[in-house]
Amino acid sequence: MKSIRFNLITTNIAAALVLASASANAASADSLYPQTSTASGMVSLFSDTKAHCVGDVLTINVSESASGNSTATTDASKNENFGFGPGSGSILSLIRSFGLSGNITSAATGKTSRNSGLTQTISVVVKQVFPNGTMQVEG
């Protein structure tokens, strides 16, 4: 009787284990929310699907503009006077005195303007994600 009782208990335990494992595998359900590959493994209902893990591809848009202006003003003037008169001697006393004068004035203004822009799109791959969320990228 003891051996029948032992065999019956072992058979019941084995059957219970088979039923428990079968029911555990049979009860599986999919999530209502898509799984994402975030670094923390958590899914947010309030954010877009973005690159968060090593190997994710990012597109970076670079937009730069530069402008410069330069203005210069130059004023210059020059006055010259030249005089000639009679000298000493009989022939030179016949020459009358005369003079020349001149005035040169110059003004110049210059202006230079320069505008330039650069727009670039590059694709990069996430190489490392730091604990604060900053990513090291390469590409």
N, C-alpha and C. Protein backbone atom coordinates (compact mmCIF):
# COMPACT_ATOMS: atom_id res chain seq x y z
N MET A 1 0.78 -1.18 0.00
CA MET A 1 0.00 0.00 0.00
C MET A 1 0.85 1.28 0.00
N LYS A 2 1.93 1.19 0.70
CA LYS A 2 2.80 2.35 0.75
C LYS A 2 3.35 2.65 -0.63
N SER A 3 3.69 1.65 -1.41
CA SER A 3 4.26 1.91 -2.74
C SER A 3 3.18 2.42 -3.69
N ILE A 4 1.94 1.97 -3.54
CA ILE A 4 0.86 2.46 -4.40
C ILE A 4 0.57 3.92 -4.06
N ARG A 5 0.58 4.22 -2.74
CA ARG A 5 0.31 5.59 -2.30
C ARG A 5 1.44 6.53 -2.78
N PHE A 6 2.68 6.07 -2.72
CA PHE A 6 3.82 6.88 -3.16
C PHE A 6 3.74 7.12 -4.66
N ASN A 7 3.43 6.08 -5.44
CA ASN A 7 3.30 6.22 -6.90
C ASN A 7 2.15 7.15 -7.25
N LEU A 8 1.06 7.09 -6.52
CA LEU A 8 -0.11 7.94 -6.76
C LEU A 8 0.24 9.40 -6.47
N ILE A 9 0.99 9.68 -5.39
CA ILE A 9 1.37 11.05 -5.04
C ILE A 9 2.34 11.59 -6.10
N THR A 10 3.31 10.79 -6.52
CA THR A 10 4.27 11.24 -7.53
C THR A 10 3.56 11.49 -8.86
N THR A 11 2.60 10.67 -9.19
CA THR A 11 1.85 10.86 -10.43
C THR A 11 1.03 12.15 -10.36
N ASN A 12 0.42 12.41 -9.22
CA ASN A 12 -0.39 13.63 -9.05
C ASN A 12 0.50 14.90 -9.12
N ILE A 13 1.68 14.83 -8.52
CA ILE A 13 2.60 15.98 -8.54
C ILE A 13 3.07 16.23 -9.96
N ALA A 14 3.43 15.19 -10.69
CA ALA A 14 3.90 15.33 -12.07
C ALA A 14 2.79 15.90 -12.95
N ALA A 15 1.56 15.46 -12.76
CA ALA A 15 0.43 15.97 -13.55
C ALA A 15 0.19 17.44 -13.24
N ALA A 16 0.32 17.84 -11.97
CA ALA A 16 0.12 19.24 -11.59
C ALA A 16 1.20 20.13 -12.21
N LEU A 17 2.44 19.63 -12.24
CA LEU A 17 3.52 20.41 -12.86
C LEU A 17 3.30 20.57 -14.36
N VAL A 18 2.84 19.52 -15.04
CA VAL A 18 2.59 19.59 -16.48
C VAL A 18 1.47 20.58 -16.77
N LEU A 19 0.41 20.54 -15.97
CA LEU A 19 -0.71 21.46 -16.16
C LEU A 19 -0.30 22.92 -15.89
N ALA A 20 0.52 23.13 -14.85
CA ALA A 20 0.95 24.49 -14.51
C ALA A 20 1.82 25.07 -15.61
N SER A 21 2.74 24.29 -16.17
CA SER A 21 3.61 24.81 -17.22
C SER A 21 2.82 25.03 -18.51
N ALA A 22 1.85 24.17 -18.80
CA ALA A 22 1.04 24.34 -20.00
C ALA A 22 0.17 25.59 -19.90
N SER A 23 -0.39 25.85 -18.75
CA SER A 23 -1.25 27.02 -18.61
C SER A 23 -0.43 28.31 -18.59
N ALA A 24 0.80 28.28 -18.10
CA ALA A 24 1.64 29.47 -18.08
C ALA A 24 2.03 29.87 -19.49
N ASN A 25 2.31 28.89 -20.36
CA ASN A 25 2.67 29.20 -21.74
C ASN A 25 1.45 29.60 -22.58
N ALA A 26 0.31 29.11 -22.27
CA ALA A 26 -0.88 29.36 -23.07
C ALA A 26 -1.41 30.77 -22.85
N ALA A 27 -1.20 31.37 -21.68
CA ALA A 27 -1.76 32.68 -21.37
C ALA A 27 -0.76 33.78 -21.69
N SER A 28 -0.66 34.15 -22.98
CA SER A 28 0.21 35.27 -23.33
C SER A 28 -0.62 36.30 -24.08
N ALA A 29 -0.30 37.57 -23.86
CA ALA A 29 -1.04 38.65 -24.51
C ALA A 29 -0.05 39.69 -25.00
N ASP A 30 -0.41 40.37 -26.07
CA ASP A 30 0.41 41.45 -26.59
C ASP A 30 0.02 42.75 -25.91
N SER A 31 0.96 43.68 -25.88
CA SER A 31 0.72 44.98 -25.27
C SER A 31 -0.10 45.86 -26.21
N LEU A 32 -0.87 46.77 -25.64
CA LEU A 32 -1.61 47.74 -26.45
C LEU A 32 -0.70 48.83 -27.00
N TYR A 33 0.45 49.06 -26.35
CA TYR A 33 1.37 50.13 -26.73
C TYR A 33 2.61 49.51 -27.34
N PRO A 34 3.15 50.11 -28.40
CA PRO A 34 4.33 49.53 -29.06
C PRO A 34 5.56 49.63 -28.16
N GLN A 35 6.38 48.60 -28.25
CA GLN A 35 7.63 48.60 -27.50
C GLN A 35 8.64 49.45 -28.26
N THR A 36 9.39 50.27 -27.53
CA THR A 36 10.42 51.07 -28.17
C THR A 36 11.76 50.67 -27.60
N SER A 37 12.80 51.10 -28.31
CA SER A 37 14.15 50.76 -27.88
C SER A 37 14.75 51.93 -27.11
N THR A 38 14.22 52.23 -25.95
CA THR A 38 14.77 53.31 -25.14
C THR A 38 15.87 52.76 -24.26
N ALA A 39 16.73 53.64 -23.81
CA ALA A 39 17.84 53.22 -22.96
C ALA A 39 17.34 52.69 -21.63
N SER A 40 16.23 53.26 -21.12
CA SER A 40 15.71 52.81 -19.82
C SER A 40 14.75 51.64 -19.97
N GLY A 41 14.32 51.33 -21.20
CA GLY A 41 13.39 50.24 -21.41
C GLY A 41 11.95 50.63 -21.13
N MET A 42 11.70 51.90 -20.83
CA MET A 42 10.35 52.36 -20.52
C MET A 42 9.71 53.00 -21.75
N VAL A 43 8.41 52.90 -21.86
CA VAL A 43 7.68 53.48 -22.97
C VAL A 43 6.92 54.69 -22.45
N SER A 44 7.06 55.82 -23.14
CA SER A 44 6.37 57.03 -22.74
C SER A 44 5.18 57.24 -23.66
N LEU A 45 4.04 57.62 -23.07
CA LEU A 45 2.86 57.92 -23.87
C LEU A 45 2.90 59.34 -24.42
N PHE A 46 3.86 60.16 -23.96
CA PHE A 46 3.87 61.58 -24.29
C PHE A 46 5.03 61.98 -25.18
N SER A 47 5.79 61.07 -25.71
CA SER A 47 6.93 61.44 -26.56
C SER A 47 6.88 60.68 -27.87
N ASP A 48 7.56 61.23 -28.86
CA ASP A 48 7.66 60.59 -30.16
C ASP A 48 8.72 59.49 -30.10
N THR A 49 8.69 58.64 -31.12
CA THR A 49 9.73 57.63 -31.23
C THR A 49 10.99 58.33 -31.73
N LYS A 50 12.00 58.35 -30.91
CA LYS A 50 13.25 59.03 -31.24
C LYS A 50 14.40 58.07 -31.00
N ALA A 51 15.53 58.42 -31.57
CA ALA A 51 16.73 57.61 -31.36
C ALA A 51 17.19 57.75 -29.91
N HIS A 52 17.38 56.64 -29.25
CA HIS A 52 17.81 56.65 -27.85
C HIS A 52 18.93 55.66 -27.57
N CYS A 53 19.16 54.74 -28.47
CA CYS A 53 20.10 53.65 -28.19
C CYS A 53 21.28 53.67 -29.16
N VAL A 54 22.32 52.97 -28.76
CA VAL A 54 23.50 52.81 -29.61
C VAL A 54 23.08 52.10 -30.89
N GLY A 55 23.53 52.64 -32.02
CA GLY A 55 23.19 52.06 -33.32
C GLY A 55 22.03 52.75 -34.01
N ASP A 56 21.26 53.60 -33.31
CA ASP A 56 20.16 54.32 -33.93
C ASP A 56 20.73 55.39 -34.88
N VAL A 57 20.00 55.68 -35.93
CA VAL A 57 20.44 56.65 -36.93
C VAL A 57 19.69 57.96 -36.70
N LEU A 58 20.44 59.07 -36.72
CA LEU A 58 19.87 60.41 -36.56
C LEU A 58 20.16 61.23 -37.79
N THR A 59 19.29 62.19 -38.09
CA THR A 59 19.54 63.17 -39.14
C THR A 59 19.73 64.51 -38.47
N ILE A 60 20.85 65.17 -38.77
CA ILE A 60 21.17 66.47 -38.18
C ILE A 60 21.08 67.53 -39.26
N ASN A 61 20.30 68.58 -39.02
CA ASN A 61 20.19 69.72 -39.93
C ASN A 61 21.02 70.86 -39.38
N VAL A 62 21.98 71.32 -40.16
CA VAL A 62 22.86 72.42 -39.77
C VAL A 62 22.46 73.64 -40.60
N SER A 63 22.16 74.74 -39.93
CA SER A 63 21.80 75.97 -40.62
C SER A 63 22.60 77.11 -40.00
N GLU A 64 23.38 77.80 -40.82
CA GLU A 64 24.24 78.86 -40.32
C GLU A 64 24.13 80.05 -41.25
N SER A 65 24.12 81.24 -40.68
CA SER A 65 24.14 82.45 -41.49
C SER A 65 25.12 83.44 -40.87
N ALA A 66 25.76 84.21 -41.74
CA ALA A 66 26.74 85.20 -41.28
C ALA A 66 26.58 86.45 -42.13
N SER A 67 26.77 87.60 -41.51
CA SER A 67 26.71 88.85 -42.25
C SER A 67 27.73 89.81 -41.67
N GLY A 68 28.21 90.70 -42.52
CA GLY A 68 29.18 91.69 -42.07
C GLY A 68 29.04 92.98 -42.86
N ASN A 69 29.25 94.09 -42.21
CA ASN A 69 29.21 95.40 -42.85
C ASN A 69 30.45 96.17 -42.46
N SER A 70 30.97 96.95 -43.41
CA SER A 70 32.13 97.78 -43.15
C SER A 70 31.95 99.10 -43.89
N THR A 71 32.23 100.20 -43.20
CA THR A 71 32.12 101.52 -43.79
C THR A 71 33.40 102.28 -43.51
N ALA A 72 33.91 102.99 -44.53
CA ALA A 72 35.13 103.79 -44.35
C ALA A 72 34.93 105.13 -45.05
N THR A 73 35.43 106.20 -44.41
CA THR A 73 35.37 107.54 -44.97
C THR A 73 36.76 108.14 -44.89
N THR A 74 37.20 108.75 -46.01
CA THR A 74 38.51 109.38 -46.05
C THR A 74 38.36 110.80 -46.60
N ASP A 75 38.95 111.78 -45.92
CA ASP A 75 38.99 113.17 -46.39
C ASP A 75 40.45 113.60 -46.44
N ALA A 76 40.81 114.24 -47.55
CA ALA A 76 42.18 114.74 -47.68
C ALA A 76 42.14 116.09 -48.40
N SER A 77 43.01 117.00 -47.99
CA SER A 77 43.10 118.29 -48.68
C SER A 77 44.55 118.75 -48.66
N LYS A 78 44.89 119.54 -49.69
CA LYS A 78 46.25 120.02 -49.80
C LYS A 78 46.22 121.42 -50.42
N ASN A 79 46.92 122.35 -49.81
CA ASN A 79 47.05 123.71 -50.31
C ASN A 79 48.51 123.96 -50.66
N GLU A 80 48.73 124.56 -51.85
CA GLU A 80 50.09 124.92 -52.27
C GLU A 80 50.10 126.34 -52.79
N ASN A 81 51.11 127.08 -52.42
CA ASN A 81 51.32 128.44 -52.89
C ASN A 81 52.75 128.55 -53.41
N PHE A 82 52.86 129.22 -54.52
CA PHE A 82 54.18 129.43 -55.12
C PHE A 82 54.24 130.88 -55.61
N GLY A 83 55.28 131.59 -55.23
CA GLY A 83 55.43 132.99 -55.64
C GLY A 83 56.80 133.23 -56.26
N PHE A 84 56.82 134.14 -57.21
CA PHE A 84 58.07 134.45 -57.89
C PHE A 84 58.09 135.97 -58.11
N GLY A 85 59.20 136.58 -57.80
CA GLY A 85 59.31 138.04 -57.96
C GLY A 85 60.67 138.43 -58.52
N PRO A 86 60.83 139.72 -58.75
CA PRO A 86 62.09 140.17 -59.34
C PRO A 86 63.25 139.98 -58.37
N GLY A 87 64.34 139.72 -58.91
CA GLY A 87 65.53 139.56 -58.10
C GLY A 87 66.44 140.76 -58.24
N SER A 88 67.65 140.64 -57.87
CA SER A 88 68.57 141.76 -57.99
C SER A 88 69.30 141.66 -59.33
N GLY A 89 69.51 142.68 -59.90
CA GLY A 89 70.19 142.73 -61.19
C GLY A 89 69.33 143.46 -62.19
N SER A 90 69.96 143.90 -63.29
CA SER A 90 69.25 144.73 -64.24
C SER A 90 68.23 143.95 -65.07
N ILE A 91 68.52 142.78 -65.48
CA ILE A 91 67.59 142.01 -66.31
C ILE A 91 66.45 141.47 -65.44
N LEU A 92 66.76 141.03 -64.26
CA LEU A 92 65.73 140.44 -63.41
C LEU A 92 64.75 141.49 -62.90
N SER A 93 65.14 142.74 -62.89
CA SER A 93 64.22 143.77 -62.42
C SER A 93 63.08 144.01 -63.40
N LEU A 94 63.22 143.53 -64.65
CA LEU A 94 62.17 143.68 -65.64
C LEU A 94 61.05 142.64 -65.42
N ILE A 95 61.33 141.59 -64.68
CA ILE A 95 60.33 140.52 -64.43
C ILE A 95 59.38 141.02 -63.35
N ARG A 96 58.14 140.86 -63.64
CA ARG A 96 57.14 141.26 -62.67
C ARG A 96 56.91 140.13 -61.69
N SER A 97 56.44 140.46 -60.55
CA SER A 97 56.14 139.41 -59.58
C SER A 97 54.83 138.72 -59.96
N PHE A 98 54.87 137.45 -59.75
CA PHE A 98 53.63 136.68 -59.96
C PHE A 98 53.62 135.50 -58.99
N GLY A 99 52.50 134.93 -58.83
CA GLY A 99 52.38 133.81 -57.90
C GLY A 99 51.38 132.78 -58.40
N LEU A 100 51.54 131.61 -57.93
CA LEU A 100 50.64 130.49 -58.24
C LEU A 100 50.15 129.89 -56.93
N SER A 101 48.93 129.51 -56.93
CA SER A 101 48.42 128.81 -55.75
C SER A 101 47.47 127.72 -56.22
N GLY A 102 47.39 126.68 -55.45
CA GLY A 102 46.50 125.57 -55.79
C GLY A 102 45.91 124.94 -54.53
N ASN A 103 44.76 124.42 -54.71
CA ASN A 103 44.07 123.77 -53.59
C ASN A 103 43.48 122.46 -54.11
N ILE A 104 43.80 121.39 -53.48
CA ILE A 104 43.27 120.07 -53.86
C ILE A 104 42.51 119.51 -52.67
N THR A 105 41.28 119.16 -52.89
CA THR A 105 40.46 118.56 -51.84
C THR A 105 39.91 117.24 -52.38
N SER A 106 39.98 116.22 -51.56
CA SER A 106 39.51 114.89 -51.97
C SER A 106 38.70 114.29 -50.83
N ALA A 107 37.59 113.68 -51.18
CA ALA A 107 36.75 112.98 -50.18
C ALA A 107 36.29 111.67 -50.79
N ALA A 108 36.31 110.62 -50.00
CA ALA A 108 35.89 109.30 -50.49
C ALA A 108 35.16 108.56 -49.37
N THR A 109 34.15 107.84 -49.76
CA THR A 109 33.39 107.02 -48.82
C THR A 109 33.22 105.64 -49.45
N GLY A 110 33.41 104.61 -48.67
CA GLY A 110 33.23 103.25 -49.17
C GLY A 110 32.45 102.40 -48.19
N LYS A 111 31.66 101.49 -48.73
CA LYS A 111 30.87 100.60 -47.88
C LYS A 111 30.91 99.21 -48.49
N THR A 112 31.09 98.22 -47.62
CA THR A 112 31.12 96.82 -48.04
C THR A 112 30.13 96.04 -47.19
N SER A 113 29.29 95.26 -47.84
CA SER A 113 28.34 94.39 -47.14
C SER A 113 28.52 92.97 -47.64
N ARG A 114 28.39 92.02 -46.72
CA ARG A 114 28.55 90.61 -47.09
C ARG A 114 27.56 89.79 -46.29
N ASN A 115 26.81 88.95 -46.98
CA ASN A 115 25.88 88.01 -46.35
C ASN A 115 26.14 86.63 -46.93
N SER A 116 26.17 85.63 -46.07
CA SER A 116 26.36 84.26 -46.55
C SER A 116 25.58 83.31 -45.65
N GLY A 117 25.25 82.16 -46.21
CA GLY A 117 24.50 81.16 -45.46
C GLY A 117 24.93 79.77 -45.85
N LEU A 118 24.71 78.83 -44.93
CA LEU A 118 25.05 77.43 -45.16
C LEU A 118 23.94 76.58 -44.58
N THR A 119 23.45 75.64 -45.36
CA THR A 119 22.47 74.67 -44.89
C THR A 119 22.99 73.29 -45.27
N GLN A 120 23.06 72.40 -44.28
CA GLN A 120 23.62 71.07 -44.51
C GLN A 120 22.79 70.04 -43.76
N THR A 121 22.60 68.88 -44.33
CA THR A 121 21.91 67.76 -43.69
C THR A 121 22.87 66.58 -43.68
N ILE A 122 23.11 66.02 -42.48
CA ILE A 122 24.00 64.86 -42.38
C ILE A 122 23.33 63.77 -41.54
N SER A 123 23.64 62.54 -41.84
CA SER A 123 23.15 61.40 -41.06
C SER A 123 24.27 60.87 -40.19
N VAL A 124 23.95 60.57 -38.94
CA VAL A 124 24.94 60.07 -38.00
C VAL A 124 24.38 58.85 -37.27
N VAL A 125 25.27 58.11 -36.63
CA VAL A 125 24.90 56.92 -35.87
C VAL A 125 25.27 57.16 -34.40
N VAL A 126 24.37 56.80 -33.48
CA VAL A 126 24.63 56.95 -32.05
C VAL A 126 25.67 55.92 -31.65
N LYS A 127 26.79 56.40 -31.08
CA LYS A 127 27.87 55.52 -30.64
C LYS A 127 27.84 55.26 -29.15
N GLN A 128 27.35 56.23 -28.37
CA GLN A 128 27.31 56.07 -26.91
C GLN A 128 26.22 56.97 -26.35
N VAL A 129 25.49 56.47 -25.34
CA VAL A 129 24.48 57.26 -24.65
C VAL A 129 24.94 57.44 -23.21
N PHE A 130 25.09 58.68 -22.77
CA PHE A 130 25.54 58.98 -21.42
C PHE A 130 24.36 58.97 -20.45
N PRO A 131 24.61 58.82 -19.15
CA PRO A 131 23.51 58.73 -18.18
C PRO A 131 22.57 59.94 -18.19
N ASN A 132 23.03 61.11 -18.57
CA ASN A 132 22.16 62.29 -18.59
C ASN A 132 21.37 62.40 -19.89
N GLY A 133 21.50 61.45 -20.81
CA GLY A 133 20.74 61.45 -22.05
C GLY A 133 21.50 62.02 -23.23
N THR A 134 22.64 62.61 -23.01
CA THR A 134 23.46 63.14 -24.09
C THR A 134 24.03 61.98 -24.89
N MET A 135 24.05 62.16 -26.23
CA MET A 135 24.52 61.08 -27.09
C MET A 135 25.80 61.48 -27.81
N GLN A 136 26.72 60.54 -27.92
CA GLN A 136 27.91 60.72 -28.75
C GLN A 136 27.59 60.09 -30.10
N VAL A 137 27.72 60.90 -31.17
CA VAL A 137 27.36 60.41 -32.49
C VAL A 137 28.58 60.44 -33.39
N GLU A 138 28.48 59.69 -34.48
CA GLU A 138 29.57 59.60 -35.46
C GLU A 138 28.96 59.53 -36.83
N GLY A 139 29.57 60.22 -37.77
CA GLY A 139 29.05 60.10 -39.14
C GLY A 139 29.45 61.25 -40.00
